Amino acid sequence: MEITPYITECNPLLEEQYLEQARDGRVDGIIAVSTIAGSIDRYRKYMAHPYNLVILHRASAPTPGVSTVYFDGRTAGELAAQHLVEIGRRRLAFFGGTAQSSRARGFVAGCEKAGLPEPLIFTGEAYATDFQQGRALARDFLHIRPLPDGVFCSNDQLGVALLTQSNDAGLSIPDDMAIVGCDNSEICLYTTPALSSIDTGNSLLASKSLEVLLRLLQDRPDAPVYDNVPVSLVARGSTSGK
């Protein structure tokens, strides 16, 4: 088996270019692991006649019309809210990503279940795609008054950016602000304090995605196939006590 990585850098033109290249037979199937503006429409287009590509989307919710292996982003958001409430936080915020994401919607639902006001959704004017953009977004976030005392970040990279910027600003984490990331990637272990995160089962997502893609290539089903993996909270120093 040969795997060819296509790095789109969140560029719609690059994504279109790679999908077009895939038509020449160099690949049998595609696992798409990110979504940018127009991605879903492009996937549907290249799955249909005359392109007929086999595309599997790895996402945080089922993608209508596209076979998907996913973790439940809504449950991830609810778990983050539940954890922050359990450690006594009441001014909650969602940091980064988009307000329409399943993680954000789940976080809002979790706050509602706990009887709290709707959390602040702080996404910035543009989607932060790297650490430095995350730091810049964090600088703006830390000007909010009153400062939220519990934050769920859209992913671990943003969680590390917010934690690092908070440390530089002289805040005590988690005393002044508890932070939860999402994905439970290895970078969570290398911050001070270590970053709590929602484990979205990345290893299982990878193996299951390959399994489902091979099944799609063999069976060519008429309807999309959906499969999911469980999520769980991994609590570390960024949310311990208050």
C-alpha atoms as a PDB file:
ATOM      1  CA  MET A   1       0.000   0.000   0.000  1.00  0.00           C
ATOM      2  CA  GLU A   2       1.253   3.493  -0.859  1.00  0.00           C
ATOM      3  CA  ILE A   3       0.007   6.641   0.890  1.00  0.00           C
ATOM      4  CA  THR A   4       0.438  10.060  -0.726  1.00  0.00           C
ATOM      5  CA  PRO A   5      -0.104  13.106   1.541  1.00  0.00           C
ATOM      6  CA  TYR A   6      -1.817  16.116  -0.044  1.00  0.00           C
ATOM      7  CA  ILE A   7      -1.207  19.218   2.103  1.00  0.00           C
ATOM      8  CA  THR A   8      -3.761  21.909   1.216  1.00  0.00           C
ATOM      9  CA  GLU A   9      -2.655  24.525   3.800  1.00  0.00           C
ATOM     10  CA  CYS A  10      -6.355  25.485   4.103  1.00  0.00           C
ATOM     11  CA  ASN A  11      -6.236  26.738   0.516  1.00  0.00           C
ATOM     12  CA  PRO A  12      -9.392  25.975  -1.534  1.00  0.00           C
ATOM     13  CA  LEU A  13      -7.457  26.237  -4.806  1.00  0.00           C
ATOM     14  CA  LEU A  14      -4.909  23.656  -3.648  1.00  0.00           C
ATOM     15  CA  GLU A  15      -7.691  21.360  -2.503  1.00  0.00           C
ATOM     16  CA  GLU A  16      -9.349  21.580  -5.925  1.00  0.00           C
ATOM     17  CA  GLN A  17      -5.988  20.994  -7.615  1.00  0.00           C
ATOM     18  CA  TYR A  18      -5.293  17.824  -5.628  1.00  0.00           C
ATOM     19  CA  LEU A  19      -8.780  16.455  -6.241  1.00  0.00           C
ATOM     20  CA  GLU A  20      -8.294  17.089  -9.959  1.00  0.00           C
ATOM     21  CA  GLN A  21      -4.904  15.347  -9.888  1.00  0.00           C
ATOM     22  CA  ALA A  22      -6.467  12.320  -8.203  1.00  0.00           C
ATOM     23  CA  ARG A  23      -8.509  11.677 -11.358  1.00  0.00           C
ATOM     24  CA  ASP A  24      -5.464  10.453 -13.288  1.00  0.00           C
ATOM     25  CA  GLY A  25      -5.392   7.149 -11.416  1.00  0.00           C
ATOM     26  CA  ARG A  26      -2.486   7.943  -9.100  1.00  0.00           C
ATOM     27  CA  VAL A  27      -4.716   7.172  -6.078  1.00  0.00           C
ATOM     28  CA  ASP A  28      -7.560   4.718  -5.530  1.00  0.00           C
ATOM     29  CA  GLY A  29      -9.238   6.573  -2.679  1.00  0.00           C
ATOM     30  CA  ILE A  30      -8.968   9.733  -0.586  1.00  0.00           C
ATOM     31  CA  ILE A  31      -9.251  10.314   3.161  1.00  0.00           C
ATOM     32  CA  ALA A  32      -9.997  14.015   3.682  1.00  0.00           C
ATOM     33  CA  VAL A  33      -9.016  15.119   7.194  1.00  0.00           C
ATOM     34  CA  SER A  34      -9.883  18.801   7.162  1.00  0.00           C
ATOM     35  CA  THR A  35     -12.664  21.070   5.990  1.00  0.00           C
ATOM     36  CA  ILE A  36     -12.295  24.565   4.582  1.00  0.00           C
ATOM     37  CA  ALA A  37     -14.684  26.836   2.720  1.00  0.00           C
ATOM     38  CA  GLY A  38     -16.461  24.839   0.036  1.00  0.00           C
ATOM     39  CA  SER A  39     -14.788  21.507   0.863  1.00  0.00           C
ATOM     40  CA  ILE A  40     -17.989  19.490   1.205  1.00  0.00           C
ATOM     41  CA  ASP A  41     -19.331  20.746  -2.120  1.00  0.00           C
ATOM     42  CA  ARG A  42     -16.011  19.836  -3.757  1.00  0.00           C
ATOM     43  CA  TYR A  43     -16.104  16.337  -2.263  1.00  0.00           C
ATOM     44  CA  ARG A  44     -19.641  15.785  -3.531  1.00  0.00           C
ATOM     45  CA  LYS A  45     -18.679  17.097  -6.967  1.00  0.00           C
ATOM     46  CA  TYR A  46     -15.695  14.754  -7.340  1.00  0.00           C
ATOM     47  CA  MET A  47     -17.620  11.763  -6.000  1.00  0.00           C
ATOM     48  CA  ALA A  48     -20.291  12.191  -8.696  1.00  0.00           C
ATOM     49  CA  HIS A  49     -20.196  11.348 -12.416  1.00  0.00           C
ATOM     50  CA  PRO A  50     -17.975  11.849 -14.384  1.00  0.00           C
ATOM     51  CA  TYR A  51     -15.267  12.031 -11.665  1.00  0.00           C
ATOM     52  CA  ASN A  52     -16.360   9.080  -9.490  1.00  0.00           C
ATOM     53  CA  LEU A  53     -13.637   9.460  -6.852  1.00  0.00           C
ATOM     54  CA  VAL A  54     -13.944   7.433  -3.640  1.00  0.00           C
ATOM     55  CA  ILE A  55     -13.712   9.983  -0.824  1.00  0.00           C
ATOM     56  CA  LEU A  56     -13.974   9.415   2.925  1.00  0.00           C
ATOM     57  CA  HIS A  57     -14.255  12.416   5.242  1.00  0.00           C
ATOM     58  CA  ARG A  58     -12.687  12.274   8.717  1.00  0.00           C
ATOM     59  CA  ALA A  59     -14.631  14.812  10.752  1.00  0.00           C
ATOM     60  CA  SER A  60     -16.358  15.679  14.034  1.00  0.00           C
ATOM     61  CA  ALA A  61     -19.877  14.961  12.775  1.00  0.00           C
ATOM     62  CA  PRO A  62     -21.468  12.992   9.907  1.00  0.00           C
ATOM     63  CA  THR A  63     -21.074  14.824   6.590  1.00  0.00           C
ATOM     64  CA  PRO A  64     -24.315  14.752   4.562  1.00  0.00           C
ATOM     65  CA  GLY A  65     -23.800  12.922   1.287  1.00  0.00           C
ATOM     66  CA  VAL A  66     -20.190  11.930   2.039  1.00  0.00           C
ATOM     67  CA  SER A  67     -19.032   8.777   3.832  1.00  0.00           C
ATOM     68  CA  THR A  68     -17.600   9.836   7.189  1.00  0.00           C
ATOM     69  CA  VAL A  69     -15.570   8.431  10.061  1.00  0.00           C
ATOM     70  CA  TYR A  70     -16.018  10.850  12.918  1.00  0.00           C
ATOM     71  CA  PHE A  71     -15.797  11.529  16.621  1.00  0.00           C
ATOM     72  CA  ASP A  72     -18.804  13.140  18.245  1.00  0.00           C
ATOM     73  CA  GLY A  73     -17.794  16.797  18.410  1.00  0.00           C
ATOM     74  CA  ARG A  74     -20.989  17.737  20.203  1.00  0.00           C
ATOM     75  CA  THR A  75     -20.262  15.287  23.009  1.00  0.00           C
ATOM     76  CA  ALA A  76     -16.698  16.633  23.161  1.00  0.00           C
ATOM     77  CA  GLY A  77     -18.066  20.123  23.790  1.00  0.00           C
ATOM     78  CA  GLU A  78     -20.529  18.875  26.391  1.00  0.00           C
ATOM     79  CA  LEU A  79     -17.769  16.990  28.245  1.00  0.00           C
ATOM     80  CA  ALA A  80     -15.593  20.109  28.330  1.00  0.00           C
ATOM     81  CA  ALA A  81     -18.432  22.217  29.743  1.00  0.00           C
ATOM     82  CA  GLN A  82     -19.309  19.552  32.313  1.00  0.00           C
ATOM     83  CA  HIS A  83     -15.696  19.338  33.516  1.00  0.00           C
ATOM     84  CA  LEU A  84     -15.306  23.099  33.851  1.00  0.00           C
ATOM     85  CA  VAL A  85     -18.567  23.347  35.785  1.00  0.00           C
ATOM     86  CA  GLU A  86     -17.547  20.473  38.073  1.00  0.00           C
ATOM     87  CA  ILE A  87     -14.359  22.312  39.085  1.00  0.00           C
ATOM     88  CA  GLY A  88     -16.349  25.415  39.958  1.00  0.00           C
ATOM     89  CA  ARG A  89     -16.064  27.582  36.854  1.00  0.00           C
ATOM     90  CA  ARG A  90     -18.997  29.783  35.915  1.00  0.00           C
ATOM     91  CA  ARG A  91     -17.786  32.351  33.337  1.00  0.00           C
ATOM     92  CA  LEU A  92     -17.184  30.045  30.416  1.00  0.00           C
ATOM     93  CA  ALA A  93     -15.934  30.705  26.891  1.00  0.00           C
ATOM     94  CA  PHE A  94     -15.258  28.830  23.646  1.00  0.00           C
ATOM     95  CA  PHE A  95     -11.977  29.890  22.010  1.00  0.00           C
ATOM     96  CA  GLY A  96     -11.113  29.646  18.296  1.00  0.00           C
ATOM     97  CA  GLY A  97     -12.641  27.526  15.562  1.00  0.00           C
ATOM     98  CA  THR A  98     -16.103  28.502  14.379  1.00  0.00           C
ATOM     99  CA  ALA A  99     -19.363  29.144  16.197  1.00  0.00           C
ATOM    100  CA  GLN A 100     -21.090  26.647  13.890  1.00  0.00           C
ATOM    101  CA  SER A 101     -18.796  23.724  14.742  1.00  0.00           C
ATOM    102  CA  SER A 102     -20.208  20.712  16.563  1.00  0.00           C
ATOM    103  CA  ARG A 103     -17.668  21.317  19.366  1.00  0.00           C
ATOM    104  CA  ALA A 104     -18.955  24.846  19.914  1.00  0.00           C
ATOM    105  CA  ARG A 105     -22.593  23.768  19.751  1.00  0.00           C
ATOM    106  CA  GLY A 106     -21.953  20.978  22.230  1.00  0.00           C
ATOM    107  CA  PHE A 107     -20.205  23.381  24.592  1.00  0.00           C
ATOM    108  CA  VAL A 108     -23.173  25.751  24.476  1.00  0.00           C
ATOM    109  CA  ALA A 109     -25.515  22.825  25.150  1.00  0.00           C
ATOM    110  CA  GLY A 110     -23.377  21.717  28.100  1.00  0.00           C
ATOM    111  CA  CYS A 111     -23.553  25.182  29.644  1.00  0.00           C
ATOM    112  CA  GLU A 112     -27.309  25.221  29.171  1.00  0.00           C
ATOM    113  CA  LYS A 113     -27.619  21.820  30.897  1.00  0.00           C
ATOM    114  CA  ALA A 114     -25.677  23.200  33.859  1.00  0.00           C
ATOM    115  CA  GLY A 115     -27.991  26.203  34.131  1.00  0.00           C
ATOM    116  CA  LEU A 116     -25.299  28.685  33.115  1.00  0.00           C
ATOM    117  CA  PRO A 117     -25.679  31.644  30.747  1.00  0.00           C
ATOM    118  CA  GLU A 118     -24.669  31.055  27.135  1.00  0.00           C
ATOM    119  CA  PRO A 119     -20.856  31.040  26.979  1.00  0.00           C
ATOM    120  CA  LEU A 120     -18.809  33.624  25.142  1.00  0.00           C
ATOM    121  CA  ILE A 121     -17.911  32.381  21.650  1.00  0.00           C
ATOM    122  CA  PHE A 122     -14.586  33.992  20.728  1.00  0.00           C
ATOM    123  CA  THR A 123     -13.467  33.044  17.223  1.00  0.00           C
ATOM    124  CA  GLY A 124     -11.802  36.177  15.871  1.00  0.00           C
ATOM    125  CA  GLU A 125     -12.236  37.632  12.406  1.00  0.00           C
ATOM    126  CA  ALA A 126     -10.275  34.859  10.668  1.00  0.00           C
ATOM    127  CA  TYR A 127      -9.745  31.171  11.418  1.00  0.00           C
ATOM    128  CA  ALA A 128      -6.429  30.708  13.259  1.00  0.00           C
ATOM    129  CA  THR A 129      -4.485  28.029  11.381  1.00  0.00           C
ATOM    130  CA  ASP A 130      -1.085  28.119  13.126  1.00  0.00           C
ATOM    131  CA  PHE A 131       0.429  28.719  16.557  1.00  0.00           C
ATOM    132  CA  GLN A 132       1.360  32.372  15.991  1.00  0.00           C
ATOM    133  CA  GLN A 133      -2.142  33.220  14.783  1.00  0.00           C
ATOM    134  CA  GLY A 134      -3.418  31.449  17.881  1.00  0.00           C
ATOM    135  CA  ARG A 135      -1.146  33.586  20.076  1.00  0.00           C
ATOM    136  CA  ALA A 136      -2.464  36.740  18.414  1.00  0.00           C
ATOM    137  CA  LEU A 137      -6.046  35.604  18.983  1.00  0.00           C
ATOM    138  CA  ALA A 138      -5.180  34.810  22.604  1.00  0.00           C
ATOM    139  CA  ARG A 139      -3.788  38.313  23.156  1.00  0.00           C
ATOM    140  CA  ASP A 140      -7.116  39.780  22.067  1.00  0.00           C
ATOM    141  CA  PHE A 141      -9.025  37.277  24.200  1.00  0.00           C
ATOM    142  CA  LEU A 142      -7.117  38.206  27.360  1.00  0.00           C
ATOM    143  CA  HIS A 143      -8.391  41.793  27.118  1.00  0.00           C
ATOM    144  CA  ILE A 144     -11.946  40.613  27.891  1.00  0.00           C
ATOM    145  CA  ARG A 145     -13.368  41.852  31.187  1.00  0.00           C
ATOM    146  CA  PRO A 146     -14.416  40.126  33.263  1.00  0.00           C
ATOM    147  CA  LEU A 147     -12.037  37.444  32.078  1.00  0.00           C
ATOM    148  CA  PRO A 148     -13.646  34.015  31.637  1.00  0.00           C
ATOM    149  CA  ASP A 149     -12.534  31.567  34.320  1.00  0.00           C
ATOM    150  CA  GLY A 150     -13.064  28.454  32.195  1.00  0.00           C
ATOM    151  CA  VAL A 151     -12.226  28.064  28.479  1.00  0.00           C
ATOM    152  CA  PHE A 152     -12.745  25.263  25.963  1.00  0.00           C
ATOM    153  CA  CYS A 153     -10.397  25.629  22.996  1.00  0.00           C
ATOM    154  CA  SER A 154     -11.354  24.335  19.562  1.00  0.00           C
ATOM    155  CA  ASN A 155      -8.147  22.279  19.357  1.00  0.00           C
ATOM    156  CA  ASP A 156      -4.961  21.610  21.308  1.00  0.00           C
ATOM    157  CA  GLN A 157      -2.835  24.001  19.259  1.00  0.00           C
ATOM    158  CA  LEU A 158      -5.144  26.846  20.246  1.00  0.00           C
ATOM    159  CA  GLY A 159      -5.170  25.560  23.819  1.00  0.00           C
ATOM    160  CA  VAL A 160      -1.371  25.699  23.948  1.00  0.00           C
ATOM    161  CA  ALA A 161      -1.412  29.176  22.374  1.00  0.00           C
ATOM    162  CA  LEU A 162      -3.880  30.469  24.978  1.00  0.00           C
ATOM    163  CA  LEU A 163      -2.040  28.812  27.859  1.00  0.00           C
ATOM    164  CA  THR A 164       1.332  30.175  26.714  1.00  0.00           C
ATOM    165  CA  GLN A 165      -0.020  33.687  26.220  1.00  0.00           C
ATOM    166  CA  SER A 166      -1.746  33.543  29.616  1.00  0.00           C
ATOM    167  CA  ASN A 167       1.510  32.539  31.312  1.00  0.00           C
ATOM    168  CA  ASP A 168       3.324  35.396  29.575  1.00  0.00           C
ATOM    169  CA  ALA A 169       0.620  37.800  30.766  1.00  0.00           C
ATOM    170  CA  GLY A 170       1.224  36.774  34.377  1.00  0.00           C
ATOM    171  CA  LEU A 171      -1.959  34.759  34.855  1.00  0.00           C
ATOM    172  CA  SER A 172      -1.977  31.690  37.069  1.00  0.00           C
ATOM    173  CA  ILE A 173      -3.337  28.648  35.250  1.00  0.00           C
ATOM    174  CA  PRO A 174      -5.675  27.143  36.385  1.00  0.00           C
ATOM    175  CA  ASP A 175      -6.328  29.471  39.347  1.00  0.00           C
ATOM    176  CA  ASP A 176      -7.209  32.493  37.206  1.00  0.00           C
ATOM    177  CA  MET A 177      -8.467  30.540  34.207  1.00  0.00           C
ATOM    178  CA  ALA A 178      -8.884  26.811  33.544  1.00  0.00           C
ATOM    179  CA  ILE A 179      -8.206  25.676  29.967  1.00  0.00           C
ATOM    180  CA  VAL A 180      -9.349  22.556  28.102  1.00  0.00           C
ATOM    181  CA  GLY A 181      -8.088  21.672  24.627  1.00  0.00           C
ATOM    182  CA  CYS A 182      -9.509  19.210  22.125  1.00  0.00           C
ATOM    183  CA  ASP A 183      -7.873  16.191  20.387  1.00  0.00           C
ATOM    184  CA  ASN A 184      -5.504  15.137  23.236  1.00  0.00           C
ATOM    185  CA  SER A 185      -2.432  15.419  21.037  1.00  0.00           C
ATOM    186  CA  GLU A 186       1.105  14.976  22.358  1.00  0.00           C
ATOM    187  CA  ILE A 187       1.703  18.728  22.704  1.00  0.00           C
ATOM    188  CA  CYS A 188      -0.619  18.713  25.730  1.00  0.00           C
ATOM    189  CA  LEU A 189       2.193  17.100  27.736  1.00  0.00           C
ATOM    190  CA  TYR A 190       4.783  19.791  27.023  1.00  0.00           C
ATOM    191  CA  THR A 191       3.105  22.875  28.494  1.00  0.00           C
ATOM    192  CA  THR A 192       3.295  24.232  32.031  1.00  0.00           C
ATOM    193  CA  PRO A 193       0.919  23.178  33.420  1.00  0.00           C
ATOM    194  CA  ALA A 194       0.055  20.227  31.181  1.00  0.00           C
ATOM    195  CA  LEU A 195      -3.055  20.857  29.086  1.00  0.00           C
ATOM    196  CA  SER A 196      -6.317  19.057  29.853  1.00  0.00           C
ATOM    197  CA  SER A 197      -7.991  17.905  26.655  1.00  0.00           C
ATOM    198  CA  ILE A 198     -10.823  15.946  25.118  1.00  0.00           C
ATOM    199  CA  ASP A 199      -9.427  12.730  23.638  1.00  0.00           C
ATOM    200  CA  THR A 200     -11.038  12.331  20.224  1.00  0.00           C
ATOM    201  CA  GLY A 201      -9.504   8.919  19.564  1.00  0.00           C
ATOM    202  CA  ASN A 202      -7.049   9.953  16.850  1.00  0.00           C
ATOM    203  CA  SER A 203      -5.342   6.543  16.611  1.00  0.00           C
ATOM    204  CA  LEU A 204      -8.667   4.751  16.352  1.00  0.00           C
ATOM    205  CA  LEU A 205      -9.912   7.345  13.859  1.00  0.00           C
ATOM    206  CA  ALA A 206      -6.883   6.664  11.671  1.00  0.00           C
ATOM    207  CA  SER A 207      -7.228   2.881  11.704  1.00  0.00           C
ATOM    208  CA  LYS A 208     -10.986   2.978  11.278  1.00  0.00           C
ATOM    209  CA  SER A 209     -10.701   5.478   8.405  1.00  0.00           C
ATOM    210  CA  LEU A 210      -8.377   3.143   6.526  1.00  0.00           C
ATOM    211  CA  GLU A 211     -10.661   0.184   7.234  1.00  0.00           C
ATOM    212  CA  VAL A 212     -13.758   2.021   5.988  1.00  0.00           C
ATOM    213  CA  LEU A 213     -11.977   3.405   2.901  1.00  0.00           C
ATOM    214  CA  LEU A 214     -10.894  -0.090   1.868  1.00  0.00           C
ATOM    215  CA  ARG A 215     -14.467  -1.275   2.347  1.00  0.00           C
ATOM    216  CA  LEU A 216     -15.755   1.583   0.175  1.00  0.00           C
ATOM    217  CA  LEU A 217     -13.274   0.702  -2.561  1.00  0.00           C
ATOM    218  CA  GLN A 218     -14.342  -2.929  -2.501  1.00  0.00           C
ATOM    219  CA  ASP A 219     -18.121  -2.590  -2.108  1.00  0.00           C
ATOM    220  CA  ARG A 220     -18.825   0.768  -3.818  1.00  0.00           C
ATOM    221  CA  PRO A 221     -22.058   1.290  -1.802  1.00  0.00           C
ATOM    222  CA  ASP A 222     -24.756   3.553  -3.219  1.00  0.00           C
ATOM    223  CA  ALA A 223     -25.366   5.331   0.110  1.00  0.00           C
ATOM    224  CA  PRO A 224     -22.786   7.048   2.349  1.00  0.00           C
ATOM    225  CA  VAL A 225     -21.253   4.992   5.169  1.00  0.00           C
ATOM    226  CA  TYR A 226     -20.951   6.479   8.669  1.00  0.00           C
ATOM    227  CA  ASP A 227     -18.867   5.214  11.593  1.00  0.00           C
ATOM    228  CA  ASN A 228     -17.780   6.936  14.799  1.00  0.00           C
ATOM    229  CA  VAL A 229     -15.379   6.598  17.741  1.00  0.00           C
ATOM    230  CA  PRO A 230     -15.974   7.562  21.402  1.00  0.00           C
ATOM    231  CA  VAL A 231     -14.543  10.667  23.088  1.00  0.00           C
ATOM    232  CA  SER A 232     -13.335  11.120  26.682  1.00  0.00           C
ATOM    233  CA  LEU A 233     -11.879  13.758  28.991  1.00  0.00           C
ATOM    234  CA  VAL A 234      -8.206  13.654  30.005  1.00  0.00           C
ATOM    235  CA  ALA A 235      -7.769  16.017  32.964  1.00  0.00           C
ATOM    236  CA  ARG A 236      -4.332  17.532  33.583  1.00  0.00           C
ATOM    237  CA  GLY A 237      -2.847  20.520  35.371  1.00  0.00           C
ATOM    238  CA  SER A 238      -4.577  23.237  33.349  1.00  0.00           C
ATOM    239  CA  THR A 239      -7.891  22.427  35.080  1.00  0.00           C
ATOM    240  CA  SER A 240      -6.823  21.117  38.486  1.00  0.00           C
ATOM    241  CA  GLY A 241      -8.436  22.813  41.493  1.00  0.00           C
ATOM    242  CA  LYS A 242      -9.665  26.295  42.358  1.00  0.00           C
END
